[in-house]
Amino acid sequence: MTQDQINFIRGLDPQGIDGTISTVLLDKNLANASFETVLKFLVQRLFQEKLYLVQQNIELSNKSFKEN
């Protein structure tokens, strides 16, 4: 990847709070990876994380509803 491409990925998380993006940026072989491969990885991983959070939200909402 070029430095511009790495900077693009870094710009997705300017505060450095997303562990998935940070993990990618810390990979010592990042410069040798293709931009497309890295973006595919990020899209897949972040989508999985989103699905997990949605499921957790549904479960917590259902639990809260049942308690009331």
PDB file of N, CA and C in Angstrom:
ATOM      1  N   MET A   1       0.847  -1.180   0.000  1.00  0.00           N
ATOM      2  CA  MET A   1       0.000   0.000   0.000  1.00  0.00           C
ATOM      3  C   MET A   1       0.889   1.238   0.000  1.00  0.00           C
ATOM      4  N   THR A   2       0.371   2.265  -0.593  1.00  0.00           N
ATOM      5  CA  THR A   2       1.101   3.535  -0.596  1.00  0.00           C
ATOM      6  C   THR A   2       0.838   4.275   0.714  1.00  0.00           C
ATOM      7  N   GLN A   3       1.636   5.277   0.982  1.00  0.00           N
ATOM      8  CA  GLN A   3       1.438   6.072   2.192  1.00  0.00           C
ATOM      9  C   GLN A   3       0.096   6.799   2.145  1.00  0.00           C
ATOM     10  N   ASP A   4      -0.329   7.239   0.974  1.00  0.00           N
ATOM     11  CA  ASP A   4      -1.650   7.879   0.844  1.00  0.00           C
ATOM     12  C   ASP A   4      -2.766   6.914   1.215  1.00  0.00           C
ATOM     13  N   GLN A   5      -2.657   5.670   0.809  1.00  0.00           N
ATOM     14  CA  GLN A   5      -3.666   4.667   1.135  1.00  0.00           C
ATOM     15  C   GLN A   5      -3.681   4.377   2.632  1.00  0.00           C
ATOM     16  N   ILE A   6      -2.497   4.284   3.224  1.00  0.00           N
ATOM     17  CA  ILE A   6      -2.405   4.069   4.675  1.00  0.00           C
ATOM     18  C   ILE A   6      -3.000   5.272   5.413  1.00  0.00           C
ATOM     19  N   ASN A   7      -2.715   6.466   4.921  1.00  0.00           N
ATOM     20  CA  ASN A   7      -3.290   7.669   5.537  1.00  0.00           C
ATOM     21  C   ASN A   7      -4.808   7.695   5.415  1.00  0.00           C
ATOM     22  N   PHE A   8      -5.340   7.190   4.301  1.00  0.00           N
ATOM     23  CA  PHE A   8      -6.787   7.105   4.140  1.00  0.00           C
ATOM     24  C   PHE A   8      -7.388   6.223   5.234  1.00  0.00           C
ATOM     25  N   ILE A   9      -6.789   5.063   5.449  1.00  0.00           N
ATOM     26  CA  ILE A   9      -7.290   4.149   6.482  1.00  0.00           C
ATOM     27  C   ILE A   9      -7.148   4.790   7.860  1.00  0.00           C
ATOM     28  N   ARG A  10      -6.031   5.450   8.104  1.00  0.00           N
ATOM     29  CA  ARG A  10      -5.829   6.144   9.383  1.00  0.00           C
ATOM     30  C   ARG A  10      -6.903   7.217   9.569  1.00  0.00           C
ATOM     31  N   GLY A  11      -7.295   7.875   8.486  1.00  0.00           N
ATOM     32  CA  GLY A  11      -8.309   8.920   8.546  1.00  0.00           C
ATOM     33  C   GLY A  11      -9.704   8.404   8.875  1.00  0.00           C
ATOM     34  N   LEU A  12      -9.932   7.114   8.714  1.00  0.00           N
ATOM     35  CA  LEU A  12     -11.224   6.534   9.081  1.00  0.00           C
ATOM     36  C   LEU A  12     -11.441   6.558  10.591  1.00  0.00           C
ATOM     37  N   ASP A  13     -10.348   6.606  11.338  1.00  0.00           N
ATOM     38  CA  ASP A  13     -10.411   6.586  12.799  1.00  0.00           C
ATOM     39  C   ASP A  13      -9.393   7.575  13.364  1.00  0.00           C
ATOM     40  N   PRO A  14      -9.642   8.879  13.188  1.00  0.00           N
ATOM     41  CA  PRO A  14      -8.642   9.879  13.576  1.00  0.00           C
ATOM     42  C   PRO A  14      -8.271   9.860  15.062  1.00  0.00           C
ATOM     43  N   GLN A  15      -9.210   9.450  15.920  1.00  0.00           N
ATOM     44  CA  GLN A  15      -8.903   9.398  17.352  1.00  0.00           C
ATOM     45  C   GLN A  15      -8.186   8.107  17.753  1.00  0.00           C
ATOM     46  N   GLY A  16      -8.122   7.140  16.839  1.00  0.00           N
ATOM     47  CA  GLY A  16      -7.449   5.881  17.135  1.00  0.00           C
ATOM     48  C   GLY A  16      -8.166   5.040  18.174  1.00  0.00           C
ATOM     49  N   ILE A  17      -9.499   5.087  18.167  1.00  0.00           N
ATOM     50  CA  ILE A  17     -10.261   4.355  19.188  1.00  0.00           C
ATOM     51  C   ILE A  17     -10.825   3.027  18.695  1.00  0.00           C
ATOM     52  N   ASP A  18     -10.774   2.800  17.390  1.00  0.00           N
ATOM     53  CA  ASP A  18     -11.317   1.558  16.847  1.00  0.00           C
ATOM     54  C   ASP A  18     -10.213   0.500  16.801  1.00  0.00           C
ATOM     55  N   GLY A  19     -10.402  -0.566  17.552  1.00  0.00           N
ATOM     56  CA  GLY A  19      -9.397  -1.619  17.639  1.00  0.00           C
ATOM     57  C   GLY A  19      -9.133  -2.328  16.333  1.00  0.00           C
ATOM     58  N   THR A  20     -10.164  -2.496  15.523  1.00  0.00           N
ATOM     59  CA  THR A  20     -10.003  -3.187  14.243  1.00  0.00           C
ATOM     60  C   THR A  20      -9.104  -2.384  13.314  1.00  0.00           C
ATOM     61  N   ILE A  21      -9.373  -1.112  13.194  1.00  0.00           N
ATOM     62  CA  ILE A  21      -8.552  -0.262  12.330  1.00  0.00           C
ATOM     63  C   ILE A  21      -7.139  -0.143  12.898  1.00  0.00           C
ATOM     64  N   SER A  22      -7.020   0.004  14.206  1.00  0.00           N
ATOM     65  CA  SER A  22      -5.697   0.091  14.823  1.00  0.00           C
ATOM     66  C   SER A  22      -4.882  -1.169  14.574  1.00  0.00           C
ATOM     67  N   THR A  23      -5.524  -2.323  14.644  1.00  0.00           N
ATOM     68  CA  THR A  23      -4.832  -3.587  14.393  1.00  0.00           C
ATOM     69  C   THR A  23      -4.280  -3.619  12.979  1.00  0.00           C
ATOM     70  N   VAL A  24      -5.066  -3.173  12.023  1.00  0.00           N
ATOM     71  CA  VAL A  24      -4.605  -3.131  10.637  1.00  0.00           C
ATOM     72  C   VAL A  24      -3.411  -2.194  10.512  1.00  0.00           C
ATOM     73  N   LEU A  25      -3.500  -1.022  11.113  1.00  0.00           N
ATOM     74  CA  LEU A  25      -2.435  -0.034  10.993  1.00  0.00           C
ATOM     75  C   LEU A  25      -1.145  -0.469  11.684  1.00  0.00           C
ATOM     76  N   LEU A  26      -1.255  -1.328  12.684  1.00  0.00           N
ATOM     77  CA  LEU A  26      -0.071  -1.794  13.398  1.00  0.00           C
ATOM     78  C   LEU A  26       0.606  -2.988  12.725  1.00  0.00           C
ATOM     79  N   ASP A  27      -0.038  -3.559  11.722  1.00  0.00           N
ATOM     80  CA  ASP A  27       0.535  -4.724  11.039  1.00  0.00           C
ATOM     81  C   ASP A  27       1.848  -4.333  10.357  1.00  0.00           C
ATOM     82  N   LYS A  28       2.916  -5.036  10.685  1.00  0.00           N
ATOM     83  CA  LYS A  28       4.237  -4.673  10.143  1.00  0.00           C
ATOM     84  C   LYS A  28       4.355  -4.954   8.650  1.00  0.00           C
ATOM     85  N   ASN A  29       3.435  -5.736   8.079  1.00  0.00           N
ATOM     86  CA  ASN A  29       3.451  -6.034   6.646  1.00  0.00           C
ATOM     87  C   ASN A  29       2.451  -5.200   5.852  1.00  0.00           C
ATOM     88  N   LEU A  30       1.928  -4.154   6.467  1.00  0.00           N
ATOM     89  CA  LEU A  30       0.884  -3.353   5.835  1.00  0.00           C
ATOM     90  C   LEU A  30       1.336  -2.769   4.499  1.00  0.00           C
ATOM     91  N   ALA A  31       2.551  -2.314   4.414  1.00  0.00           N
ATOM     92  CA  ALA A  31       3.044  -1.708   3.173  1.00  0.00           C
ATOM     93  C   ALA A  31       3.068  -2.714   2.024  1.00  0.00           C
ATOM     94  N   ASN A  32       3.153  -3.995   2.341  1.00  0.00           N
ATOM     95  CA  ASN A  32       3.196  -5.033   1.311  1.00  0.00           C
ATOM     96  C   ASN A  32       1.808  -5.536   0.908  1.00  0.00           C
ATOM     97  N   ALA A  33       0.798  -5.181   1.668  1.00  0.00           N
ATOM     98  CA  ALA A  33      -0.565  -5.639   1.383  1.00  0.00           C
ATOM     99  C   ALA A  33      -1.191  -4.767   0.299  1.00  0.00           C
ATOM    100  N   SER A  34      -2.142  -5.343  -0.409  1.00  0.00           N
ATOM    101  CA  SER A  34      -2.854  -4.538  -1.403  1.00  0.00           C
ATOM    102  C   SER A  34      -3.962  -3.752  -0.701  1.00  0.00           C
ATOM    103  N   PHE A  35      -4.226  -2.570  -1.204  1.00  0.00           N
ATOM    104  CA  PHE A  35      -5.279  -1.712  -0.662  1.00  0.00           C
ATOM    105  C   PHE A  35      -6.623  -2.432  -0.696  1.00  0.00           C
ATOM    106  N   GLU A  36      -6.904  -3.101  -1.810  1.00  0.00           N
ATOM    107  CA  GLU A  36      -8.165  -3.826  -1.951  1.00  0.00           C
ATOM    108  C   GLU A  36      -8.312  -4.909  -0.890  1.00  0.00           C
ATOM    109  N   THR A  37      -7.265  -5.667  -0.640  1.00  0.00           N
ATOM    110  CA  THR A  37      -7.318  -6.731   0.367  1.00  0.00           C
ATOM    111  C   THR A  37      -7.584  -6.172   1.751  1.00  0.00           C
ATOM    112  N   VAL A  38      -6.909  -5.086   2.082  1.00  0.00           N
ATOM    113  CA  VAL A  38      -7.081  -4.472   3.399  1.00  0.00           C
ATOM    114  C   VAL A  38      -8.496  -3.919   3.550  1.00  0.00           C
ATOM    115  N   LEU A  39      -9.005  -3.260   2.520  1.00  0.00           N
ATOM    116  CA  LEU A  39     -10.365  -2.716   2.604  1.00  0.00           C
ATOM    117  C   LEU A  39     -11.411  -3.816   2.703  1.00  0.00           C
ATOM    118  N   LYS A  40     -11.217  -4.901   1.962  1.00  0.00           N
ATOM    119  CA  LYS A  40     -12.149  -6.034   2.065  1.00  0.00           C
ATOM    120  C   LYS A  40     -12.163  -6.580   3.489  1.00  0.00           C
ATOM    121  N   PHE A  41     -10.971  -6.731   4.070  1.00  0.00           N
ATOM    122  CA  PHE A  41     -10.867  -7.209   5.445  1.00  0.00           C
ATOM    123  C   PHE A  41     -11.619  -6.280   6.394  1.00  0.00           C
ATOM    124  N   LEU A  42     -11.386  -4.971   6.258  1.00  0.00           N
ATOM    125  CA  LEU A  42     -12.042  -4.012   7.142  1.00  0.00           C
ATOM    126  C   LEU A  42     -13.554  -4.025   6.996  1.00  0.00           C
ATOM    127  N   VAL A  43     -14.036  -4.072   5.768  1.00  0.00           N
ATOM    128  CA  VAL A  43     -15.483  -4.086   5.553  1.00  0.00           C
ATOM    129  C   VAL A  43     -16.100  -5.330   6.189  1.00  0.00           C
ATOM    130  N   GLN A  44     -15.494  -6.479   5.964  1.00  0.00           N
ATOM    131  CA  GLN A  44     -16.028  -7.723   6.531  1.00  0.00           C
ATOM    132  C   GLN A  44     -16.006  -7.702   8.049  1.00  0.00           C
ATOM    133  N   ARG A  45     -14.879  -7.302   8.627  1.00  0.00           N
ATOM    134  CA  ARG A  45     -14.738  -7.301  10.086  1.00  0.00           C
ATOM    135  C   ARG A  45     -15.666  -6.293  10.731  1.00  0.00           C
ATOM    136  N   LEU A  46     -15.725  -5.086  10.191  1.00  0.00           N
ATOM    137  CA  LEU A  46     -16.581  -4.058  10.775  1.00  0.00           C
ATOM    138  C   LEU A  46     -18.059  -4.414  10.641  1.00  0.00           C
ATOM    139  N   PHE A  47     -18.428  -5.087   9.548  1.00  0.00           N
ATOM    140  CA  PHE A  47     -19.813  -5.528   9.392  1.00  0.00           C
ATOM    141  C   PHE A  47     -20.144  -6.605  10.428  1.00  0.00           C
ATOM    142  N   GLN A  48     -19.218  -7.540  10.658  1.00  0.00           N
ATOM    143  CA  GLN A  48     -19.426  -8.560  11.692  1.00  0.00           C
ATOM    144  C   GLN A  48     -19.602  -7.926  13.062  1.00  0.00           C
ATOM    145  N   GLU A  49     -18.767  -6.934  13.341  1.00  0.00           N
ATOM    146  CA  GLU A  49     -18.882  -6.235  14.622  1.00  0.00           C
ATOM    147  C   GLU A  49     -20.218  -5.523  14.742  1.00  0.00           C
ATOM    148  N   LYS A  50     -20.677  -4.923  13.657  1.00  0.00           N
ATOM    149  CA  LYS A  50     -21.964  -4.231  13.681  1.00  0.00           C
ATOM    150  C   LYS A  50     -23.096  -5.225  13.942  1.00  0.00           C
ATOM    151  N   LEU A  51     -23.071  -6.363  13.268  1.00  0.00           N
ATOM    152  CA  LEU A  51     -24.105  -7.379  13.490  1.00  0.00           C
ATOM    153  C   LEU A  51     -24.130  -7.836  14.941  1.00  0.00           C
ATOM    154  N   TYR A  52     -22.957  -8.026  15.516  1.00  0.00           N
ATOM    155  CA  TYR A  52     -22.866  -8.433  16.918  1.00  0.00           C
ATOM    156  C   TYR A  52     -23.491  -7.369  17.821  1.00  0.00           C
ATOM    157  N   LEU A  53     -23.176  -6.105  17.580  1.00  0.00           N
ATOM    158  CA  LEU A  53     -23.722  -5.034  18.408  1.00  0.00           C
ATOM    159  C   LEU A  53     -25.234  -4.893  18.251  1.00  0.00           C
ATOM    160  N   VAL A  54     -25.723  -5.074  17.040  1.00  0.00           N
ATOM    161  CA  VAL A  54     -27.176  -5.028  16.820  1.00  0.00           C
ATOM    162  C   VAL A  54     -27.846  -6.161  17.589  1.00  0.00           C
ATOM    163  N   GLN A  55     -27.270  -7.361  17.515  1.00  0.00           N
ATOM    164  CA  GLN A  55     -27.834  -8.508  18.234  1.00  0.00           C
ATOM    165  C   GLN A  55     -27.824  -8.258  19.739  1.00  0.00           C
ATOM    166  N   GLN A  56     -26.732  -7.716  20.261  1.00  0.00           N
ATOM    167  CA  GLN A  56     -26.663  -7.403  21.685  1.00  0.00           C
ATOM    168  C   GLN A  56     -27.703  -6.363  22.070  1.00  0.00           C
ATOM    169  N   ASN A  57     -27.917  -5.381  21.224  1.00  0.00           N
ATOM    170  CA  ASN A  57     -28.920  -4.351  21.478  1.00  0.00           C
ATOM    171  C   ASN A  57     -30.318  -4.960  21.528  1.00  0.00           C
ATOM    172  N   ILE A  58     -30.601  -5.856  20.594  1.00  0.00           N
ATOM    173  CA  ILE A  58     -31.910  -6.520  20.573  1.00  0.00           C
ATOM    174  C   ILE A  58     -32.112  -7.329  21.848  1.00  0.00           C
ATOM    175  N   GLU A  59     -31.090  -8.085  22.225  1.00  0.00           N
ATOM    176  CA  GLU A  59     -31.207  -8.898  23.435  1.00  0.00           C
ATOM    177  C   GLU A  59     -31.395  -8.043  24.684  1.00  0.00           C
ATOM    178  N   LEU A  60     -30.654  -6.958  24.781  1.00  0.00           N
ATOM    179  CA  LEU A  60     -30.804  -6.078  25.939  1.00  0.00           C
ATOM    180  C   LEU A  60     -32.162  -5.383  25.943  1.00  0.00           C
ATOM    181  N   SER A  61     -32.635  -5.006  24.770  1.00  0.00           N
ATOM    182  CA  SER A  61     -33.964  -4.375  24.667  1.00  0.00           C
ATOM    183  C   SER A  61     -35.047  -5.346  25.078  1.00  0.00           C
ATOM    184  N   ASN A  62     -34.944  -6.581  24.608  1.00  0.00           N
ATOM    185  CA  ASN A  62     -35.939  -7.599  24.980  1.00  0.00           C
ATOM    186  C   ASN A  62     -35.909  -7.878  26.482  1.00  0.00           C
ATOM    187  N   LYS A  63     -34.720  -7.944  27.051  1.00  0.00           N
ATOM    188  CA  LYS A  63     -34.582  -8.193  28.489  1.00  0.00           C
ATOM    189  C   LYS A  63     -35.203  -7.037  29.261  1.00  0.00           C
ATOM    190  N   SER A  64     -34.928  -5.814  28.849  1.00  0.00           N
ATOM    191  CA  SER A  64     -35.467  -4.642  29.527  1.00  0.00           C
ATOM    192  C   SER A  64     -36.985  -4.618  29.408  1.00  0.00           C
ATOM    193  N   PHE A  65     -37.494  -4.955  28.247  1.00  0.00           N
ATOM    194  CA  PHE A  65     -38.951  -4.960  28.019  1.00  0.00           C
ATOM    195  C   PHE A  65     -39.614  -5.995  28.919  1.00  0.00           C
ATOM    196  N   LYS A  66     -39.020  -7.171  29.051  1.00  0.00           N
ATOM    197  CA  LYS A  66     -39.596  -8.234  29.880  1.00  0.00           C
ATOM    198  C   LYS A  66     -39.581  -7.876  31.359  1.00  0.00           C
ATOM    199  N   GLU A  67     -38.588  -7.093  31.788  1.00  0.00           N
ATOM    200  CA  GLU A  67     -38.504  -6.706  33.195  1.00  0.00           C
ATOM    201  C   GLU A  67     -39.544  -5.665  33.562  1.00  0.00           C
ATOM    202  N   ASN A  68     -40.014  -4.910  32.569  1.00  0.00           N
ATOM    203  CA  ASN A  68     -40.992  -3.855  32.853  1.00  0.00           C
ATOM    204  C   ASN A  68     -42.337  -4.422  32.706  1.00  0.00           C
TER     205      ASN A  68
END
